[in-house]
Amino acid sequence: MPEFRQNIATRDWVIIATDRAKRPQTLAVNGATSPIELPSHDEKCPFCIGNEELDLETDRIPKDPTQPWQVRAVRNKYPALSEDINFHRSFTNVERRISGLGYHEVIIEHPAHNTTLALMEPDEIALFFEIVYRRGWKISEDPRIEYIVYFRNHGERAGASLVHPHSQIIALPVVPNVIRKRTEEARRYFDDTGQCVYCAMMHNELEHKARVVVSSQYFIAFVLYAAPTPFHMWIMPLRHDVSFLYTKQEERIDLANVIKQVLAKLYIGLNNPAYNLIVRSSPIKEIENDYLHWYITLVPRLSRTAGFELGSGIHINPTLPEACAEFLRGVNI
């Protein structure tokens, strides 16, 4: 029998279509291109060694410019927003606008053109998280910025336009409405129960284990009980905190190991699917609350949004979350 499930953190409903549920392995991408089939260097790639535009660079590891870089942060050459414009608002009748102020940076995750996080070593992924952490703190010093989005698009279906391993940071002068909604839901749950809703969800997953994919000293990765799409996962810190920027170095190192395991399982088990990875943190100026909990969303792009989803806001998931988690646990990396 099909059933509705609700994510208690977002209040979003999904339909788990059990009568037409697909076996998780049938969602493996056919004919997906593996990065290892590409050359290690592409002279036309703007992110490859030798093509660096140093005037766009904001940070690198190692810092010494005489040493080969391992990870870099650069300003997007074609940014969606600009940090070098004056900030102003206008509101006339029903027309509200603000200037396109913000930051748009690219994190070049590795010198090699033909790799990806699923294939990188954990210590290389840790460097990626380290530079994201550093850039997040630096950008948050700008008092005009309200919210920072850290995200990774992998594969054409997820919106990636370049194959060289990279992520992006976009900092906004407003808090998006979807973040406001989640904040209000978290506050409501806290007012009703005195608990963090994300901690409640996490402890439930740890207790039942059916949807857990990977667990470690500091993190848990699990397929959501009310997963809107196949293999939709959250990677959540066991320690309650509101922002990725409050992580400790040992936690970021542990996170690199967890991300490596999860992405490698997807890479092997589902033949390198496209996915979006988003770090969800508290708004910069709302970090003193007790009800928010930062986490990472991982969304493999294995299904498409159609008319019902657009018309209702309710997704139909043709897979059982428990079966997806069991399948990934069984993938040997």
C-alpha atoms as a PDB file:
ATOM      1  CA  MET A   1       0.000   0.000   0.000  1.00  0.00           C
ATOM      2  CA  PRO A   2       1.285   3.508  -0.776  1.00  0.00           C
ATOM      3  CA  GLU A   3       1.651   5.883   2.148  1.00  0.00           C
ATOM      4  CA  PHE A   4       2.254   9.527   2.990  1.00  0.00           C
ATOM      5  CA  ARG A   5       5.292  10.342   5.121  1.00  0.00           C
ATOM      6  CA  GLN A   6       6.133  13.722   6.620  1.00  0.00           C
ATOM      7  CA  ASN A   7       9.504  15.269   7.344  1.00  0.00           C
ATOM      8  CA  ILE A   8       8.895  16.775  10.786  1.00  0.00           C
ATOM      9  CA  ALA A   9      11.692  19.328  10.325  1.00  0.00           C
ATOM     10  CA  THR A  10      10.303  20.834   7.112  1.00  0.00           C
ATOM     11  CA  ARG A  11       6.628  19.707   7.424  1.00  0.00           C
ATOM     12  CA  ASP A  12       6.835  18.544   3.806  1.00  0.00           C
ATOM     13  CA  TRP A  13       4.795  15.498   2.798  1.00  0.00           C
ATOM     14  CA  VAL A  14       5.967  12.856   0.334  1.00  0.00           C
ATOM     15  CA  ILE A  15       4.231   9.834  -1.157  1.00  0.00           C
ATOM     16  CA  ILE A  16       6.124   6.562  -0.887  1.00  0.00           C
ATOM     17  CA  ALA A  17       4.695   4.676  -3.853  1.00  0.00           C
ATOM     18  CA  THR A  18       5.138   1.156  -2.495  1.00  0.00           C
ATOM     19  CA  ASP A  19       2.872  -0.443  -5.118  1.00  0.00           C
ATOM     20  CA  ARG A  20       5.266   0.612  -7.858  1.00  0.00           C
ATOM     21  CA  ALA A  21       8.438   0.701  -5.795  1.00  0.00           C
ATOM     22  CA  LYS A  22      11.611   0.128  -7.776  1.00  0.00           C
ATOM     23  CA  ARG A  23      14.549  -1.914  -6.582  1.00  0.00           C
ATOM     24  CA  PRO A  24      17.348   0.563  -5.751  1.00  0.00           C
ATOM     25  CA  GLN A  25      19.858  -1.066  -8.106  1.00  0.00           C
ATOM     26  CA  THR A  26      17.551  -0.484 -11.095  1.00  0.00           C
ATOM     27  CA  LEU A  27      18.209   3.258 -10.735  1.00  0.00           C
ATOM     28  CA  ALA A  28      21.893   2.899 -11.631  1.00  0.00           C
ATOM     29  CA  VAL A  29      22.782   5.360 -14.367  1.00  0.00           C
ATOM     30  CA  ASN A  30      23.337   3.737 -17.751  1.00  0.00           C
ATOM     31  CA  GLY A  31      26.351   4.900 -19.706  1.00  0.00           C
ATOM     32  CA  ALA A  32      27.516   7.503 -17.196  1.00  0.00           C
ATOM     33  CA  THR A  33      30.940   8.932 -17.969  1.00  0.00           C
ATOM     34  CA  SER A  34      33.527   8.264 -15.293  1.00  0.00           C
ATOM     35  CA  PRO A  35      36.032  11.052 -14.571  1.00  0.00           C
ATOM     36  CA  ILE A  36      38.868   8.540 -14.918  1.00  0.00           C
ATOM     37  CA  GLU A  37      38.039   8.286 -18.625  1.00  0.00           C
ATOM     38  CA  LEU A  38      39.085  11.925 -19.017  1.00  0.00           C
ATOM     39  CA  PRO A  39      42.641  13.280 -19.298  1.00  0.00           C
ATOM     40  CA  SER A  40      44.331  14.383 -16.079  1.00  0.00           C
ATOM     41  CA  HIS A  41      44.917  17.801 -17.641  1.00  0.00           C
ATOM     42  CA  ASP A  42      42.865  19.755 -20.170  1.00  0.00           C
ATOM     43  CA  GLU A  43      44.570  22.784 -21.643  1.00  0.00           C
ATOM     44  CA  LYS A  44      41.163  24.373 -22.339  1.00  0.00           C
ATOM     45  CA  CYS A  45      39.887  23.911 -18.768  1.00  0.00           C
ATOM     46  CA  PRO A  46      40.032  27.165 -16.734  1.00  0.00           C
ATOM     47  CA  PHE A  47      40.567  25.197 -13.510  1.00  0.00           C
ATOM     48  CA  CYS A  48      43.532  23.106 -14.637  1.00  0.00           C
ATOM     49  CA  ILE A  49      47.137  23.826 -13.634  1.00  0.00           C
ATOM     50  CA  GLY A  50      48.689  26.447 -15.884  1.00  0.00           C
ATOM     51  CA  ASN A  51      45.370  28.214 -16.546  1.00  0.00           C
ATOM     52  CA  GLU A  52      45.090  29.943 -13.171  1.00  0.00           C
ATOM     53  CA  GLU A  53      43.843  33.526 -13.217  1.00  0.00           C
ATOM     54  CA  LEU A  54      45.614  34.687 -10.093  1.00  0.00           C
ATOM     55  CA  ASP A  55      43.780  38.004  -9.922  1.00  0.00           C
ATOM     56  CA  LEU A  56      40.592  36.043  -9.150  1.00  0.00           C
ATOM     57  CA  GLU A  57      42.137  33.929  -6.390  1.00  0.00           C
ATOM     58  CA  THR A  58      40.932  34.498  -2.810  1.00  0.00           C
ATOM     59  CA  ASP A  59      42.643  31.601  -1.004  1.00  0.00           C
ATOM     60  CA  ARG A  60      44.672  28.460  -1.611  1.00  0.00           C
ATOM     61  CA  ILE A  61      46.194  25.500   0.199  1.00  0.00           C
ATOM     62  CA  PRO A  62      49.109  25.594   0.699  1.00  0.00           C
ATOM     63  CA  LYS A  63      49.310  29.367   1.108  1.00  0.00           C
ATOM     64  CA  ASP A  64      52.833  29.602  -0.319  1.00  0.00           C
ATOM     65  CA  PRO A  65      52.396  30.531  -4.020  1.00  0.00           C
ATOM     66  CA  THR A  66      55.757  28.938  -4.847  1.00  0.00           C
ATOM     67  CA  GLN A  67      54.364  25.494  -3.904  1.00  0.00           C
ATOM     68  CA  PRO A  68      51.925  23.498  -6.059  1.00  0.00           C
ATOM     69  CA  TRP A  69      48.359  24.173  -4.982  1.00  0.00           C
ATOM     70  CA  GLN A  70      46.094  21.383  -3.759  1.00  0.00           C
ATOM     71  CA  VAL A  71      42.830  23.325  -3.494  1.00  0.00           C
ATOM     72  CA  ARG A  72      41.960  26.903  -4.477  1.00  0.00           C
ATOM     73  CA  ALA A  73      39.182  29.424  -3.938  1.00  0.00           C
ATOM     74  CA  VAL A  74      38.576  31.929  -6.739  1.00  0.00           C
ATOM     75  CA  ARG A  75      35.994  34.560  -7.588  1.00  0.00           C
ATOM     76  CA  ASN A  76      33.582  33.318 -10.223  1.00  0.00           C
ATOM     77  CA  LYS A  77      34.566  34.873 -13.539  1.00  0.00           C
ATOM     78  CA  TYR A  78      30.868  35.261 -14.405  1.00  0.00           C
ATOM     79  CA  PRO A  79      29.306  35.883 -10.983  1.00  0.00           C
ATOM     80  CA  ALA A  80      25.599  35.880 -10.250  1.00  0.00           C
ATOM     81  CA  LEU A  81      26.230  38.603  -7.632  1.00  0.00           C
ATOM     82  CA  SER A  82      28.914  41.220  -7.020  1.00  0.00           C
ATOM     83  CA  GLU A  83      30.609  42.237  -3.779  1.00  0.00           C
ATOM     84  CA  ASP A  84      31.739  45.550  -5.285  1.00  0.00           C
ATOM     85  CA  ILE A  85      28.417  47.350  -5.588  1.00  0.00           C
ATOM     86  CA  ASN A  86      26.503  49.556  -3.177  1.00  0.00           C
ATOM     87  CA  PHE A  87      23.658  47.926  -1.298  1.00  0.00           C
ATOM     88  CA  HIS A  88      20.245  49.559  -1.491  1.00  0.00           C
ATOM     89  CA  ARG A  89      16.584  48.568  -1.272  1.00  0.00           C
ATOM     90  CA  SER A  90      13.484  49.927  -2.980  1.00  0.00           C
ATOM     91  CA  PHE A  91       9.830  49.077  -2.457  1.00  0.00           C
ATOM     92  CA  THR A  92       7.222  50.737  -4.667  1.00  0.00           C
ATOM     93  CA  ASN A  93       3.663  49.414  -4.650  1.00  0.00           C
ATOM     94  CA  VAL A  94       4.159  45.672  -5.230  1.00  0.00           C
ATOM     95  CA  GLU A  95       7.614  46.001  -6.750  1.00  0.00           C
ATOM     96  CA  ARG A  96      10.390  45.224  -4.270  1.00  0.00           C
ATOM     97  CA  ARG A  97      14.032  45.038  -5.257  1.00  0.00           C
ATOM     98  CA  ILE A  98      17.497  45.198  -3.772  1.00  0.00           C
ATOM     99  CA  SER A  99      20.839  45.575  -5.491  1.00  0.00           C
ATOM    100  CA  GLY A 100      22.630  42.414  -6.615  1.00  0.00           C
ATOM    101  CA  LEU A 101      25.132  42.448  -3.795  1.00  0.00           C
ATOM    102  CA  GLY A 102      26.829  39.249  -2.752  1.00  0.00           C
ATOM    103  CA  TYR A 103      29.770  36.909  -3.170  1.00  0.00           C
ATOM    104  CA  HIS A 104      30.106  34.166  -5.766  1.00  0.00           C
ATOM    105  CA  GLU A 105      33.201  31.993  -5.470  1.00  0.00           C
ATOM    106  CA  VAL A 106      34.364  28.681  -6.877  1.00  0.00           C
ATOM    107  CA  ILE A 107      36.295  26.099  -4.864  1.00  0.00           C
ATOM    108  CA  ILE A 108      38.583  24.130  -7.186  1.00  0.00           C
ATOM    109  CA  GLU A 109      38.811  20.894  -5.269  1.00  0.00           C
ATOM    110  CA  HIS A 110      41.823  19.221  -6.876  1.00  0.00           C
ATOM    111  CA  PRO A 111      44.533  19.946  -9.489  1.00  0.00           C
ATOM    112  CA  ALA A 112      43.604  16.815 -11.475  1.00  0.00           C
ATOM    113  CA  HIS A 113      40.964  17.227 -14.148  1.00  0.00           C
ATOM    114  CA  ASN A 114      39.879  13.576 -14.028  1.00  0.00           C
ATOM    115  CA  THR A 115      38.822  13.039 -10.438  1.00  0.00           C
ATOM    116  CA  THR A 116      35.899  13.770  -8.130  1.00  0.00           C
ATOM    117  CA  LEU A 117      35.191  13.633  -4.405  1.00  0.00           C
ATOM    118  CA  ALA A 118      34.168   9.978  -4.646  1.00  0.00           C
ATOM    119  CA  LEU A 119      37.629   9.114  -5.982  1.00  0.00           C
ATOM    120  CA  MET A 120      39.718  11.466  -3.861  1.00  0.00           C
ATOM    121  CA  GLU A 121      41.491  10.463  -0.671  1.00  0.00           C
ATOM    122  CA  PRO A 122      39.915  11.558   2.638  1.00  0.00           C
ATOM    123  CA  ASP A 123      42.849  13.872   3.409  1.00  0.00           C
ATOM    124  CA  GLU A 124      42.269  15.625   0.066  1.00  0.00           C
ATOM    125  CA  ILE A 125      38.568  16.030   0.845  1.00  0.00           C
ATOM    126  CA  ALA A 126      39.531  17.407   4.276  1.00  0.00           C
ATOM    127  CA  LEU A 127      41.501  20.176   2.532  1.00  0.00           C
ATOM    128  CA  PHE A 128      38.383  21.012   0.534  1.00  0.00           C
ATOM    129  CA  PHE A 129      36.324  21.379   3.718  1.00  0.00           C
ATOM    130  CA  GLU A 130      39.126  23.401   5.295  1.00  0.00           C
ATOM    131  CA  ILE A 131      39.093  26.019   2.546  1.00  0.00           C
ATOM    132  CA  VAL A 132      35.279  26.140   2.569  1.00  0.00           C
ATOM    133  CA  TYR A 133      35.500  26.764   6.318  1.00  0.00           C
ATOM    134  CA  ARG A 134      38.068  29.544   5.846  1.00  0.00           C
ATOM    135  CA  ARG A 135      36.151  31.280   3.074  1.00  0.00           C
ATOM    136  CA  GLY A 136      32.908  31.006   5.022  1.00  0.00           C
ATOM    137  CA  TRP A 137      34.413  32.791   8.000  1.00  0.00           C
ATOM    138  CA  LYS A 138      36.008  35.476   5.819  1.00  0.00           C
ATOM    139  CA  ILE A 139      32.823  36.220   3.879  1.00  0.00           C
ATOM    140  CA  SER A 140      30.707  36.255   7.055  1.00  0.00           C
ATOM    141  CA  GLU A 141      32.774  39.211   8.293  1.00  0.00           C
ATOM    142  CA  ASP A 142      30.944  41.386   5.750  1.00  0.00           C
ATOM    143  CA  PRO A 143      28.028  42.903   7.744  1.00  0.00           C
ATOM    144  CA  ARG A 144      25.913  43.137   4.582  1.00  0.00           C
ATOM    145  CA  ILE A 145      25.752  39.344   4.211  1.00  0.00           C
ATOM    146  CA  GLU A 146      22.883  37.410   5.829  1.00  0.00           C
ATOM    147  CA  TYR A 147      23.191  33.896   4.460  1.00  0.00           C
ATOM    148  CA  ILE A 148      25.845  31.732   2.767  1.00  0.00           C
ATOM    149  CA  VAL A 149      25.049  28.791   0.486  1.00  0.00           C
ATOM    150  CA  TYR A 150      27.787  26.182   0.048  1.00  0.00           C
ATOM    151  CA  PHE A 151      26.973  23.712  -2.714  1.00  0.00           C
ATOM    152  CA  ARG A 152      28.336  21.208  -5.213  1.00  0.00           C
ATOM    153  CA  ASN A 153      26.755  20.249  -8.532  1.00  0.00           C
ATOM    154  CA  HIS A 154      28.056  16.957  -9.899  1.00  0.00           C
ATOM    155  CA  GLY A 155      27.035  15.917 -13.378  1.00  0.00           C
ATOM    156  CA  GLU A 156      25.113  17.673 -16.118  1.00  0.00           C
ATOM    157  CA  ARG A 157      21.732  16.648 -14.730  1.00  0.00           C
ATOM    158  CA  ALA A 158      22.615  18.373 -11.443  1.00  0.00           C
ATOM    159  CA  GLY A 159      23.585  21.609 -13.183  1.00  0.00           C
ATOM    160  CA  ALA A 160      27.356  21.210 -13.504  1.00  0.00           C
ATOM    161  CA  SER A 161      28.722  22.963 -16.601  1.00  0.00           C
ATOM    162  CA  LEU A 162      32.387  21.999 -16.090  1.00  0.00           C
ATOM    163  CA  VAL A 163      33.742  18.536 -15.303  1.00  0.00           C
ATOM    164  CA  HIS A 164      36.833  19.625 -13.329  1.00  0.00           C
ATOM    165  CA  PRO A 165      36.016  18.925  -9.642  1.00  0.00           C
ATOM    166  CA  HIS A 166      34.666  22.111  -8.099  1.00  0.00           C
ATOM    167  CA  SER A 167      32.080  23.516  -5.701  1.00  0.00           C
ATOM    168  CA  GLN A 168      30.626  26.974  -5.218  1.00  0.00           C
ATOM    169  CA  ILE A 169      29.883  29.495  -2.491  1.00  0.00           C
ATOM    170  CA  ILE A 170      27.207  32.159  -2.924  1.00  0.00           C
ATOM    171  CA  ALA A 171      26.669  34.693  -0.141  1.00  0.00           C
ATOM    172  CA  LEU A 172      23.406  36.651  -0.026  1.00  0.00           C
ATOM    173  CA  PRO A 173      22.217  39.918   1.540  1.00  0.00           C
ATOM    174  CA  VAL A 174      18.883  38.240   2.354  1.00  0.00           C
ATOM    175  CA  VAL A 175      17.767  35.022   4.047  1.00  0.00           C
ATOM    176  CA  PRO A 176      15.895  32.866   1.480  1.00  0.00           C
ATOM    177  CA  ASN A 177      12.262  32.129   2.250  1.00  0.00           C
ATOM    178  CA  VAL A 178      12.846  28.365   2.324  1.00  0.00           C
ATOM    179  CA  ILE A 179      15.420  28.918   5.099  1.00  0.00           C
ATOM    180  CA  ARG A 180      12.998  31.169   6.972  1.00  0.00           C
ATOM    181  CA  LYS A 181      10.371  28.440   6.748  1.00  0.00           C
ATOM    182  CA  ARG A 182      12.723  25.779   8.123  1.00  0.00           C
ATOM    183  CA  THR A 183      13.829  28.113  10.899  1.00  0.00           C
ATOM    184  CA  GLU A 184      10.228  28.751  11.932  1.00  0.00           C
ATOM    185  CA  GLU A 185       9.434  25.028  11.937  1.00  0.00           C
ATOM    186  CA  ALA A 186      12.507  24.311  14.070  1.00  0.00           C
ATOM    187  CA  ARG A 187      11.518  27.071  16.494  1.00  0.00           C
ATOM    188  CA  ARG A 188       7.955  25.753  16.710  1.00  0.00           C
ATOM    189  CA  TYR A 189       9.149  22.227  17.510  1.00  0.00           C
ATOM    190  CA  PHE A 190      11.544  23.582  20.129  1.00  0.00           C
ATOM    191  CA  ASP A 191       8.770  25.645  21.738  1.00  0.00           C
ATOM    192  CA  ASP A 192       6.502  22.576  21.863  1.00  0.00           C
ATOM    193  CA  THR A 193       9.040  20.007  23.086  1.00  0.00           C
ATOM    194  CA  GLY A 194      12.135  21.833  24.340  1.00  0.00           C
ATOM    195  CA  GLN A 195      14.212  19.793  21.861  1.00  0.00           C
ATOM    196  CA  CYS A 196      16.004  20.344  18.558  1.00  0.00           C
ATOM    197  CA  VAL A 197      13.929  18.680  15.837  1.00  0.00           C
ATOM    198  CA  TYR A 198      17.069  17.670  13.947  1.00  0.00           C
ATOM    199  CA  CYS A 199      18.540  16.015  17.033  1.00  0.00           C
ATOM    200  CA  ALA A 200      15.226  14.161  17.487  1.00  0.00           C
ATOM    201  CA  MET A 201      15.366  12.896  13.908  1.00  0.00           C
ATOM    202  CA  MET A 202      19.015  11.902  14.258  1.00  0.00           C
ATOM    203  CA  HIS A 203      18.459   9.969  17.498  1.00  0.00           C
ATOM    204  CA  ASN A 204      15.537   8.164  15.895  1.00  0.00           C
ATOM    205  CA  GLU A 205      17.777   7.055  13.014  1.00  0.00           C
ATOM    206  CA  LEU A 206      20.510   5.942  15.406  1.00  0.00           C
ATOM    207  CA  GLU A 207      17.983   3.918  17.399  1.00  0.00           C
ATOM    208  CA  HIS A 208      16.313   2.149  14.477  1.00  0.00           C
ATOM    209  CA  LYS A 209      19.324   1.987  12.096  1.00  0.00           C
ATOM    210  CA  ALA A 210      17.191   0.920   9.107  1.00  0.00           C
ATOM    211  CA  ARG A 211      17.986   4.048   7.093  1.00  0.00           C
ATOM    212  CA  VAL A 212      21.578   4.643   8.283  1.00  0.00           C
ATOM    213  CA  VAL A 213      24.165   4.410   5.509  1.00  0.00           C
ATOM    214  CA  VAL A 214      27.359   5.426   7.360  1.00  0.00           C
ATOM    215  CA  SER A 215      28.077   6.429  10.951  1.00  0.00           C
ATOM    216  CA  SER A 216      31.300   7.664  12.528  1.00  0.00           C
ATOM    217  CA  GLN A 217      32.625   9.266  15.679  1.00  0.00           C
ATOM    218  CA  TYR A 218      31.133  12.655  14.806  1.00  0.00           C
ATOM    219  CA  PHE A 219      28.592  12.134  11.985  1.00  0.00           C
ATOM    220  CA  ILE A 220      25.721  10.039  10.725  1.00  0.00           C
ATOM    221  CA  ALA A 221      24.599   9.725   7.089  1.00  0.00           C
ATOM    222  CA  PHE A 222      21.065   8.434   6.558  1.00  0.00           C
ATOM    223  CA  VAL A 223      18.348   8.247   3.913  1.00  0.00           C
ATOM    224  CA  LEU A 224      15.435  10.373   5.080  1.00  0.00           C
ATOM    225  CA  TYR A 225      12.361   8.627   6.464  1.00  0.00           C
ATOM    226  CA  ALA A 226      10.313  10.945   4.226  1.00  0.00           C
ATOM    227  CA  ALA A 227      12.828  11.054   1.368  1.00  0.00           C
ATOM    228  CA  PRO A 228      11.239  13.055  -1.467  1.00  0.00           C
ATOM    229  CA  THR A 229      13.441  11.362  -4.084  1.00  0.00           C
ATOM    230  CA  PRO A 230      15.457   8.109  -4.283  1.00  0.00           C
ATOM    231  CA  PHE A 231      18.547   8.034  -2.033  1.00  0.00           C
ATOM    232  CA  HIS A 232      17.909  11.551  -0.666  1.00  0.00           C
ATOM    233  CA  MET A 233      20.290  11.732   2.307  1.00  0.00           C
ATOM    234  CA  TRP A 234      21.276  13.962   5.194  1.00  0.00           C
ATOM    235  CA  ILE A 235      24.769  13.914   6.689  1.00  0.00           C
ATOM    236  CA  MET A 236      24.398  15.289  10.206  1.00  0.00           C
ATOM    237  CA  PRO A 237      26.849  16.065  13.021  1.00  0.00           C
ATOM    238  CA  LEU A 238      26.182  14.197  16.255  1.00  0.00           C
ATOM    239  CA  ARG A 239      27.199  17.293  18.212  1.00  0.00           C
ATOM    240  CA  HIS A 240      24.423  19.862  18.241  1.00  0.00           C
ATOM    241  CA  ASP A 241      25.506  23.132  16.652  1.00  0.00           C
ATOM    242  CA  VAL A 242      23.893  25.691  14.400  1.00  0.00           C
ATOM    243  CA  SER A 243      26.628  26.320  11.842  1.00  0.00           C
ATOM    244  CA  PHE A 244      29.272  24.527   9.817  1.00  0.00           C
ATOM    245  CA  LEU A 245      31.543  27.436  10.758  1.00  0.00           C
ATOM    246  CA  TYR A 246      31.547  26.192  14.364  1.00  0.00           C
ATOM    247  CA  THR A 247      33.035  22.804  13.469  1.00  0.00           C
ATOM    248  CA  LYS A 248      36.335  21.688  14.935  1.00  0.00           C
ATOM    249  CA  GLN A 249      39.227  20.514  12.781  1.00  0.00           C
ATOM    250  CA  GLU A 250      38.900  16.918  13.938  1.00  0.00           C
ATOM    251  CA  GLU A 251      35.224  17.003  12.980  1.00  0.00           C
ATOM    252  CA  ARG A 252      36.007  18.263   9.483  1.00  0.00           C
ATOM    253  CA  ILE A 253      38.579  15.480   9.069  1.00  0.00           C
ATOM    254  CA  ASP A 254      35.980  12.932  10.170  1.00  0.00           C
ATOM    255  CA  LEU A 255      33.409  14.510   7.839  1.00  0.00           C
ATOM    256  CA  ALA A 256      35.820  14.031   4.931  1.00  0.00           C
ATOM    257  CA  ASN A 257      35.909  10.290   5.673  1.00  0.00           C
ATOM    258  CA  VAL A 258      32.117  10.077   5.829  1.00  0.00           C
ATOM    259  CA  ILE A 259      31.658  12.013   2.582  1.00  0.00           C
ATOM    260  CA  LYS A 260      34.233   9.789   0.894  1.00  0.00           C
ATOM    261  CA  GLN A 261      32.359   6.646   1.948  1.00  0.00           C
ATOM    262  CA  VAL A 262      28.907   7.913   0.984  1.00  0.00           C
ATOM    263  CA  LEU A 263      29.928   9.297  -2.409  1.00  0.00           C
ATOM    264  CA  ALA A 264      32.034   6.236  -3.221  1.00  0.00           C
ATOM    265  CA  LYS A 265      29.031   4.007  -2.492  1.00  0.00           C
ATOM    266  CA  LEU A 266      26.892   6.092  -4.853  1.00  0.00           C
ATOM    267  CA  TYR A 267      29.666   6.131  -7.466  1.00  0.00           C
ATOM    268  CA  ILE A 268      30.065   2.343  -7.417  1.00  0.00           C
ATOM    269  CA  GLY A 269      26.509   1.266  -6.636  1.00  0.00           C
ATOM    270  CA  LEU A 270      24.698   3.643  -8.997  1.00  0.00           C
ATOM    271  CA  ASN A 271      27.393   4.153 -11.653  1.00  0.00           C
ATOM    272  CA  ASN A 272      28.439   7.736 -10.871  1.00  0.00           C
ATOM    273  CA  PRO A 273      25.033   9.481 -10.715  1.00  0.00           C
ATOM    274  CA  ALA A 274      24.610  13.235 -10.891  1.00  0.00           C
ATOM    275  CA  TYR A 275      23.930  14.812  -7.514  1.00  0.00           C
ATOM    276  CA  ASN A 276      23.647  18.063  -5.594  1.00  0.00           C
ATOM    277  CA  LEU A 277      25.386  18.478  -2.234  1.00  0.00           C
ATOM    278  CA  ILE A 278      24.435  21.444  -0.038  1.00  0.00           C
ATOM    279  CA  VAL A 279      25.745  22.521   3.355  1.00  0.00           C
ATOM    280  CA  ARG A 280      22.783  23.900   5.324  1.00  0.00           C
ATOM    281  CA  SER A 281      23.776  26.247   8.134  1.00  0.00           C
ATOM    282  CA  SER A 282      22.048  28.864  10.230  1.00  0.00           C
ATOM    283  CA  PRO A 283      21.757  32.420   8.898  1.00  0.00           C
ATOM    284  CA  ILE A 284      24.912  34.312   9.861  1.00  0.00           C
ATOM    285  CA  LYS A 285      23.175  36.666  12.275  1.00  0.00           C
ATOM    286  CA  GLU A 286      21.023  33.986  13.923  1.00  0.00           C
ATOM    287  CA  ILE A 287      23.673  31.760  15.475  1.00  0.00           C
ATOM    288  CA  GLU A 288      22.714  32.114  19.129  1.00  0.00           C
ATOM    289  CA  ASN A 289      19.617  29.923  19.020  1.00  0.00           C
ATOM    290  CA  ASP A 290      19.173  26.401  20.415  1.00  0.00           C
ATOM    291  CA  TYR A 291      16.789  25.019  17.806  1.00  0.00           C
ATOM    292  CA  LEU A 292      18.795  24.932  14.546  1.00  0.00           C
ATOM    293  CA  HIS A 293      21.277  22.206  13.631  1.00  0.00           C
ATOM    294  CA  TRP A 294      23.559  22.358  10.590  1.00  0.00           C
ATOM    295  CA  TYR A 295      23.730  19.407   8.211  1.00  0.00           C
ATOM    296  CA  ILE A 296      24.517  18.428   4.622  1.00  0.00           C
ATOM    297  CA  THR A 297      21.869  17.507   2.070  1.00  0.00           C
ATOM    298  CA  LEU A 298      22.841  15.020  -0.646  1.00  0.00           C
ATOM    299  CA  VAL A 299      20.377  14.601  -3.510  1.00  0.00           C
ATOM    300  CA  PRO A 300      21.186  12.110  -6.298  1.00  0.00           C
ATOM    301  CA  ARG A 301      19.403  13.185  -9.490  1.00  0.00           C
ATOM    302  CA  LEU A 302      17.718   9.902 -10.352  1.00  0.00           C
ATOM    303  CA  SER A 303      14.150  11.105 -10.913  1.00  0.00           C
ATOM    304  CA  ARG A 304      12.484  14.134 -12.461  1.00  0.00           C
ATOM    305  CA  THR A 305      10.049  16.677 -11.071  1.00  0.00           C
ATOM    306  CA  ALA A 306       6.754  16.565 -12.990  1.00  0.00           C
ATOM    307  CA  GLY A 307       3.351  18.256 -12.954  1.00  0.00           C
ATOM    308  CA  PHE A 308       2.027  16.704  -9.747  1.00  0.00           C
ATOM    309  CA  GLU A 309       5.115  17.747  -7.782  1.00  0.00           C
ATOM    310  CA  LEU A 310       4.971  21.276  -9.179  1.00  0.00           C
ATOM    311  CA  GLY A 311       1.231  21.539  -8.591  1.00  0.00           C
ATOM    312  CA  SER A 312       1.148  20.142  -5.059  1.00  0.00           C
ATOM    313  CA  GLY A 313       4.639  20.501  -3.617  1.00  0.00           C
ATOM    314  CA  ILE A 314       4.414  16.790  -2.746  1.00  0.00           C
ATOM    315  CA  HIS A 315       6.989  14.446  -4.284  1.00  0.00           C
ATOM    316  CA  ILE A 316       6.275  10.856  -5.276  1.00  0.00           C
ATOM    317  CA  ASN A 317       9.209   8.627  -4.360  1.00  0.00           C
ATOM    318  CA  PRO A 318       9.206   5.300  -6.260  1.00  0.00           C
ATOM    319  CA  THR A 319      11.682   3.716  -3.827  1.00  0.00           C
ATOM    320  CA  LEU A 320      11.575   2.690  -0.179  1.00  0.00           C
ATOM    321  CA  PRO A 321      14.053   4.747   1.869  1.00  0.00           C
ATOM    322  CA  GLU A 322      14.871   1.678   3.960  1.00  0.00           C
ATOM    323  CA  ALA A 323      15.695  -0.324   0.826  1.00  0.00           C
ATOM    324  CA  CYS A 324      17.898   2.470  -0.523  1.00  0.00           C
ATOM    325  CA  ALA A 325      19.899   2.590   2.707  1.00  0.00           C
ATOM    326  CA  GLU A 326      20.230  -1.202   2.805  1.00  0.00           C
ATOM    327  CA  PHE A 327      21.476  -1.221  -0.780  1.00  0.00           C
ATOM    328  CA  LEU A 328      24.141   1.414  -0.076  1.00  0.00           C
ATOM    329  CA  ARG A 329      25.293  -0.329   3.102  1.00  0.00           C
ATOM    330  CA  GLY A 330      25.939  -3.383   0.965  1.00  0.00           C
ATOM    331  CA  VAL A 331      28.074  -1.570  -1.607  1.00  0.00           C
ATOM    332  CA  ASN A 332      31.694  -2.569  -1.074  1.00  0.00           C
ATOM    333  CA  ILE A 333      34.141   0.281  -1.584  1.00  0.00           C
END
